[in-house]
Amino acid sequence: MCGIIQDLIDKNVQESLSTIKVEVQLGEFLTLDYRLLAAPTVTSEYYEADLKGEIFWKSDKFLTKKTFSPPAMATITDNKKMVYITLSEYIFNTMTYQAHKHNMLVFNLTSQNN
């Protein structure tokens, strides 16, 4: 009986995860891609998911070559809180890279800027 219930839960989780939106627009030009990097780990004590967290320029998402890789994430060993979220600088690096590449960070200082 437990095996049948476990299979049913696994199937429902997979179906639910397959319909989750994995991108969100950030303003007019940028897209945050937060799709799963691997199947989530589900145990009786915790649920763990590794998400991508990469920002692309909307019009050339599939043309962008990776200029750097995300760092390895530290393992969370504490279990006293209900939710733990770990972020690296990778999401901010990809955002500033795209902004720089597409001249969003250009500012011309002239005599008219008092």
N, C-alpha and C. Protein backbone atom coordinates (compact mmCIF):
# COMPACT_ATOMS: atom_id res chain seq x y z
N MET A 1 0.82 -1.19 0.00
CA MET A 1 0.00 0.00 0.00
C MET A 1 0.87 1.26 0.00
N CYS A 2 1.95 1.25 0.82
CA CYS A 2 2.82 2.43 0.89
C CYS A 2 3.47 2.72 -0.46
N GLY A 3 3.85 1.66 -1.18
CA GLY A 3 4.45 1.84 -2.50
C GLY A 3 3.49 2.48 -3.48
N ILE A 4 2.23 2.09 -3.43
CA ILE A 4 1.21 2.66 -4.32
C ILE A 4 1.02 4.14 -4.01
N ILE A 5 0.94 4.46 -2.73
CA ILE A 5 0.76 5.86 -2.32
C ILE A 5 1.98 6.68 -2.71
N GLN A 6 3.19 6.13 -2.50
CA GLN A 6 4.42 6.84 -2.86
C GLN A 6 4.46 7.10 -4.36
N ASP A 7 4.11 6.10 -5.18
CA ASP A 7 4.09 6.27 -6.63
C ASP A 7 3.08 7.34 -7.04
N LEU A 8 1.93 7.36 -6.40
CA LEU A 8 0.90 8.36 -6.69
C LEU A 8 1.41 9.76 -6.35
N ILE A 9 2.05 9.89 -5.19
CA ILE A 9 2.60 11.19 -4.79
C ILE A 9 3.68 11.63 -5.77
N ASP A 10 4.60 10.71 -6.11
CA ASP A 10 5.67 11.05 -7.05
C ASP A 10 5.11 11.48 -8.39
N LYS A 11 4.11 10.78 -8.90
CA LYS A 11 3.51 11.13 -10.19
C LYS A 11 2.84 12.50 -10.12
N ASN A 12 2.10 12.76 -9.05
CA ASN A 12 1.43 14.05 -8.90
C ASN A 12 2.43 15.18 -8.76
N VAL A 13 3.53 14.95 -8.03
CA VAL A 13 4.56 15.98 -7.88
C VAL A 13 5.19 16.27 -9.23
N GLN A 14 5.52 15.24 -10.00
CA GLN A 14 6.12 15.45 -11.31
C GLN A 14 5.18 16.22 -12.23
N GLU A 15 3.91 15.86 -12.21
CA GLU A 15 2.94 16.58 -13.06
C GLU A 15 2.81 18.03 -12.63
N SER A 16 2.78 18.27 -11.33
CA SER A 16 2.67 19.64 -10.82
C SER A 16 3.91 20.45 -11.17
N LEU A 17 5.09 19.86 -10.99
CA LEU A 17 6.33 20.57 -11.30
C LEU A 17 6.46 20.86 -12.78
N SER A 18 5.92 19.99 -13.63
CA SER A 18 6.05 20.20 -15.07
C SER A 18 5.21 21.38 -15.56
N THR A 19 4.27 21.85 -14.77
CA THR A 19 3.43 22.97 -15.20
C THR A 19 3.83 24.30 -14.55
N ILE A 20 4.84 24.28 -13.71
CA ILE A 20 5.26 25.51 -13.03
C ILE A 20 5.94 26.45 -14.03
N LYS A 21 5.59 27.71 -13.96
CA LYS A 21 6.23 28.74 -14.77
C LYS A 21 7.69 28.85 -14.34
N VAL A 22 8.62 28.88 -15.28
CA VAL A 22 10.04 28.86 -14.93
C VAL A 22 10.79 30.13 -15.35
N GLU A 23 10.07 31.11 -15.84
CA GLU A 23 10.69 32.39 -16.23
C GLU A 23 9.80 33.53 -15.79
N VAL A 24 10.42 34.64 -15.50
CA VAL A 24 9.68 35.84 -15.16
C VAL A 24 10.39 37.02 -15.82
N GLN A 25 9.59 37.92 -16.38
CA GLN A 25 10.15 39.12 -17.01
C GLN A 25 10.58 40.10 -15.93
N LEU A 26 11.76 40.65 -16.10
CA LEU A 26 12.28 41.71 -15.22
C LEU A 26 12.36 42.98 -16.05
N GLY A 27 11.34 43.77 -15.96
CA GLY A 27 11.30 44.98 -16.77
C GLY A 27 11.02 44.64 -18.23
N GLU A 28 11.47 45.52 -19.10
CA GLU A 28 11.16 45.38 -20.53
C GLU A 28 12.11 44.43 -21.26
N PHE A 29 13.36 44.27 -20.76
CA PHE A 29 14.38 43.59 -21.55
C PHE A 29 14.95 42.31 -20.93
N LEU A 30 14.86 42.14 -19.63
CA LEU A 30 15.52 41.03 -18.97
C LEU A 30 14.54 39.92 -18.57
N THR A 31 15.03 38.70 -18.57
CA THR A 31 14.25 37.53 -18.18
C THR A 31 15.02 36.74 -17.14
N LEU A 32 14.37 36.43 -16.02
CA LEU A 32 14.97 35.57 -14.99
C LEU A 32 14.51 34.15 -15.25
N ASP A 33 15.46 33.26 -15.45
CA ASP A 33 15.20 31.84 -15.68
C ASP A 33 15.50 31.12 -14.37
N TYR A 34 14.48 30.54 -13.74
CA TYR A 34 14.69 29.86 -12.47
C TYR A 34 14.24 28.40 -12.54
N ARG A 35 14.47 27.77 -13.68
CA ARG A 35 14.09 26.36 -13.83
C ARG A 35 14.93 25.45 -12.95
N LEU A 36 14.42 24.26 -12.71
CA LEU A 36 15.14 23.28 -11.91
C LEU A 36 16.39 22.81 -12.65
N LEU A 37 17.50 22.66 -11.91
CA LEU A 37 18.72 22.13 -12.49
C LEU A 37 18.76 20.61 -12.43
N ALA A 38 18.03 20.04 -11.50
CA ALA A 38 17.97 18.59 -11.32
C ALA A 38 16.64 18.27 -10.63
N ALA A 39 16.34 17.01 -10.59
CA ALA A 39 15.12 16.60 -9.89
C ALA A 39 15.22 16.99 -8.42
N PRO A 40 14.15 17.49 -7.84
CA PRO A 40 14.19 17.88 -6.42
C PRO A 40 14.40 16.66 -5.52
N THR A 41 15.02 16.90 -4.39
CA THR A 41 15.20 15.87 -3.38
C THR A 41 14.06 15.98 -2.39
N VAL A 42 13.32 14.91 -2.22
CA VAL A 42 12.18 14.91 -1.30
C VAL A 42 12.39 13.78 -0.31
N THR A 43 12.42 14.13 0.97
CA THR A 43 12.52 13.14 2.04
C THR A 43 11.40 13.41 3.04
N SER A 44 11.33 12.59 4.05
CA SER A 44 10.31 12.82 5.09
C SER A 44 10.66 14.02 5.95
N GLU A 45 11.91 14.49 5.88
CA GLU A 45 12.34 15.62 6.71
C GLU A 45 12.51 16.93 5.95
N TYR A 46 12.76 16.86 4.65
CA TYR A 46 12.97 18.10 3.91
C TYR A 46 12.69 17.92 2.43
N TYR A 47 12.57 19.06 1.76
CA TYR A 47 12.40 19.15 0.31
C TYR A 47 13.47 20.11 -0.18
N GLU A 48 14.28 19.69 -1.14
CA GLU A 48 15.37 20.53 -1.62
C GLU A 48 15.31 20.63 -3.13
N ALA A 49 15.41 21.86 -3.64
CA ALA A 49 15.37 22.08 -5.08
C ALA A 49 16.51 23.02 -5.47
N ASP A 50 17.25 22.65 -6.50
CA ASP A 50 18.30 23.50 -7.05
C ASP A 50 17.73 24.21 -8.27
N LEU A 51 17.67 25.54 -8.20
CA LEU A 51 17.11 26.34 -9.28
C LEU A 51 18.22 27.08 -10.00
N LYS A 52 18.01 27.36 -11.26
CA LYS A 52 19.02 27.97 -12.12
C LYS A 52 19.39 29.39 -11.69
N GLY A 53 18.46 30.30 -11.69
CA GLY A 53 18.73 31.67 -11.28
C GLY A 53 19.65 32.44 -12.21
N GLU A 54 19.34 32.42 -13.50
CA GLU A 54 20.18 33.12 -14.48
C GLU A 54 19.34 34.16 -15.20
N ILE A 55 19.94 35.31 -15.46
CA ILE A 55 19.23 36.40 -16.13
C ILE A 55 19.74 36.53 -17.55
N PHE A 56 18.79 36.59 -18.49
CA PHE A 56 19.10 36.71 -19.92
C PHE A 56 18.48 37.98 -20.47
N TRP A 57 19.05 38.44 -21.58
CA TRP A 57 18.44 39.49 -22.37
C TRP A 57 17.30 38.84 -23.12
N LYS A 58 16.12 39.42 -23.05
CA LYS A 58 14.90 38.79 -23.57
C LYS A 58 15.02 38.33 -25.01
N SER A 59 15.58 39.14 -25.88
CA SER A 59 15.58 38.82 -27.31
C SER A 59 16.70 37.88 -27.74
N ASP A 60 17.71 37.65 -26.90
CA ASP A 60 18.78 36.74 -27.31
C ASP A 60 19.10 35.69 -26.25
N LYS A 61 18.07 35.19 -25.60
CA LYS A 61 18.24 34.21 -24.53
C LYS A 61 19.04 33.00 -24.98
N PHE A 62 18.75 32.47 -26.13
CA PHE A 62 19.40 31.24 -26.58
C PHE A 62 20.72 31.51 -27.30
N LEU A 63 21.04 32.77 -27.51
CA LEU A 63 22.29 33.12 -28.17
C LEU A 63 23.39 33.45 -27.17
N THR A 64 23.03 33.64 -25.92
CA THR A 64 23.98 34.07 -24.91
C THR A 64 24.90 32.92 -24.51
N LYS A 65 26.21 33.16 -24.61
CA LYS A 65 27.18 32.18 -24.14
C LYS A 65 27.49 32.46 -22.69
N LYS A 66 27.70 31.42 -21.93
CA LYS A 66 28.04 31.62 -20.52
C LYS A 66 29.44 32.21 -20.42
N THR A 67 29.56 33.30 -19.69
CA THR A 67 30.86 33.93 -19.50
C THR A 67 31.49 33.50 -18.18
N PHE A 68 30.70 32.97 -17.29
CA PHE A 68 31.18 32.46 -16.01
C PHE A 68 30.20 31.45 -15.48
N SER A 69 30.63 30.65 -14.55
CA SER A 69 29.79 29.58 -14.01
C SER A 69 29.34 29.91 -12.60
N PRO A 70 28.22 29.36 -12.18
CA PRO A 70 27.78 29.59 -10.81
C PRO A 70 28.69 28.87 -9.82
N PRO A 71 28.89 29.45 -8.64
CA PRO A 71 29.72 28.79 -7.64
C PRO A 71 28.98 27.62 -7.01
N ALA A 72 29.73 26.72 -6.41
CA ALA A 72 29.11 25.63 -5.66
C ALA A 72 28.44 26.22 -4.42
N MET A 73 27.27 25.73 -4.12
CA MET A 73 26.51 26.25 -2.97
C MET A 73 26.89 25.48 -1.71
N ALA A 74 26.92 26.19 -0.61
CA ALA A 74 27.20 25.56 0.68
C ALA A 74 26.02 24.68 1.09
N THR A 75 26.33 23.58 1.72
CA THR A 75 25.29 22.68 2.20
C THR A 75 24.69 23.23 3.48
N ILE A 76 23.38 23.21 3.55
CA ILE A 76 22.70 23.67 4.77
C ILE A 76 22.61 22.48 5.72
N THR A 77 23.17 22.64 6.90
CA THR A 77 23.15 21.54 7.87
C THR A 77 22.17 21.77 9.00
N ASP A 78 21.71 23.01 9.15
CA ASP A 78 20.75 23.33 10.21
C ASP A 78 19.35 22.92 9.77
N ASN A 79 18.51 22.55 10.69
CA ASN A 79 17.14 22.21 10.34
C ASN A 79 16.13 22.75 11.35
N LYS A 80 16.47 23.87 11.99
CA LYS A 80 15.59 24.44 13.00
C LYS A 80 14.51 25.34 12.41
N LYS A 81 14.73 25.86 11.24
CA LYS A 81 13.77 26.76 10.60
C LYS A 81 12.94 25.99 9.57
N MET A 82 11.84 26.58 9.19
CA MET A 82 10.95 25.92 8.22
C MET A 82 11.47 26.04 6.79
N VAL A 83 12.06 27.20 6.43
CA VAL A 83 12.52 27.43 5.07
C VAL A 83 13.92 28.04 5.10
N TYR A 84 14.78 27.52 4.25
CA TYR A 84 16.12 28.07 4.05
C TYR A 84 16.27 28.39 2.57
N ILE A 85 16.75 29.58 2.28
CA ILE A 85 16.99 29.97 0.89
C ILE A 85 18.44 30.41 0.80
N THR A 86 19.15 29.82 -0.15
CA THR A 86 20.56 30.16 -0.35
C THR A 86 20.70 30.79 -1.73
N LEU A 87 21.30 31.96 -1.78
CA LEU A 87 21.55 32.65 -3.04
C LEU A 87 23.05 32.89 -3.18
N SER A 88 23.52 32.90 -4.41
CA SER A 88 24.90 33.27 -4.66
C SER A 88 24.91 34.58 -5.45
N GLU A 89 26.10 35.05 -5.73
CA GLU A 89 26.21 36.28 -6.52
C GLU A 89 25.96 36.03 -8.01
N TYR A 90 25.77 34.78 -8.40
CA TYR A 90 25.61 34.43 -9.81
C TYR A 90 24.44 35.17 -10.47
N ILE A 91 23.31 35.24 -9.79
CA ILE A 91 22.14 35.91 -10.37
C ILE A 91 22.44 37.40 -10.61
N PHE A 92 23.16 38.02 -9.70
CA PHE A 92 23.49 39.44 -9.85
C PHE A 92 24.58 39.63 -10.91
N ASN A 93 25.51 38.66 -10.99
CA ASN A 93 26.54 38.72 -12.03
C ASN A 93 25.93 38.61 -13.42
N THR A 94 24.98 37.69 -13.61
CA THR A 94 24.36 37.54 -14.93
C THR A 94 23.52 38.77 -15.28
N MET A 95 22.89 39.37 -14.27
CA MET A 95 22.08 40.57 -14.52
C MET A 95 22.98 41.74 -14.93
N THR A 96 24.04 41.98 -14.19
CA THR A 96 24.91 43.11 -14.53
C THR A 96 25.67 42.85 -15.84
N TYR A 97 25.99 41.59 -16.12
CA TYR A 97 26.64 41.27 -17.40
C TYR A 97 25.71 41.62 -18.57
N GLN A 98 24.45 41.21 -18.48
CA GLN A 98 23.49 41.50 -19.55
C GLN A 98 23.24 43.01 -19.67
N ALA A 99 23.12 43.68 -18.54
CA ALA A 99 22.92 45.14 -18.56
C ALA A 99 24.12 45.84 -19.20
N HIS A 100 25.33 45.42 -18.87
CA HIS A 100 26.54 46.01 -19.44
C HIS A 100 26.64 45.69 -20.94
N LYS A 101 26.40 44.45 -21.30
CA LYS A 101 26.50 44.01 -22.69
C LYS A 101 25.55 44.80 -23.60
N HIS A 102 24.40 45.19 -23.07
CA HIS A 102 23.40 45.90 -23.87
C HIS A 102 23.32 47.39 -23.52
N ASN A 103 24.40 47.92 -23.00
CA ASN A 103 24.57 49.36 -22.75
C ASN A 103 23.53 49.98 -21.83
N MET A 104 23.01 49.21 -20.90
CA MET A 104 22.06 49.76 -19.93
C MET A 104 22.76 50.51 -18.80
N LEU A 105 24.06 50.32 -18.69
CA LEU A 105 24.82 50.96 -17.61
C LEU A 105 25.63 52.15 -18.11
N VAL A 106 25.37 52.59 -19.33
CA VAL A 106 26.11 53.71 -19.92
C VAL A 106 25.45 55.02 -19.50
N PHE A 107 26.28 55.93 -19.03
CA PHE A 107 25.79 57.26 -18.67
C PHE A 107 26.83 58.27 -19.12
N ASN A 108 26.44 59.19 -19.97
CA ASN A 108 27.36 60.22 -20.45
C ASN A 108 27.26 61.44 -19.55
N LEU A 109 28.35 61.79 -18.94
CA LEU A 109 28.41 62.95 -18.07
C LEU A 109 28.82 64.15 -18.91
N THR A 110 27.97 65.15 -18.98
CA THR A 110 28.23 66.35 -19.76
C THR A 110 28.09 67.57 -18.87
N SER A 111 28.37 68.72 -19.45
CA SER A 111 28.25 69.98 -18.69
C SER A 111 26.78 70.27 -18.34
N GLN A 112 25.86 69.63 -19.01
CA GLN A 112 24.44 69.85 -18.72
C GLN A 112 23.98 69.07 -17.50
N ASN A 113 24.81 68.17 -16.98
CA ASN A 113 24.47 67.40 -15.78
C ASN A 113 25.02 68.15 -14.56
N ASN A 114 24.26 69.09 -14.05
CA ASN A 114 24.73 69.88 -12.91
C ASN A 114 24.42 69.19 -11.62
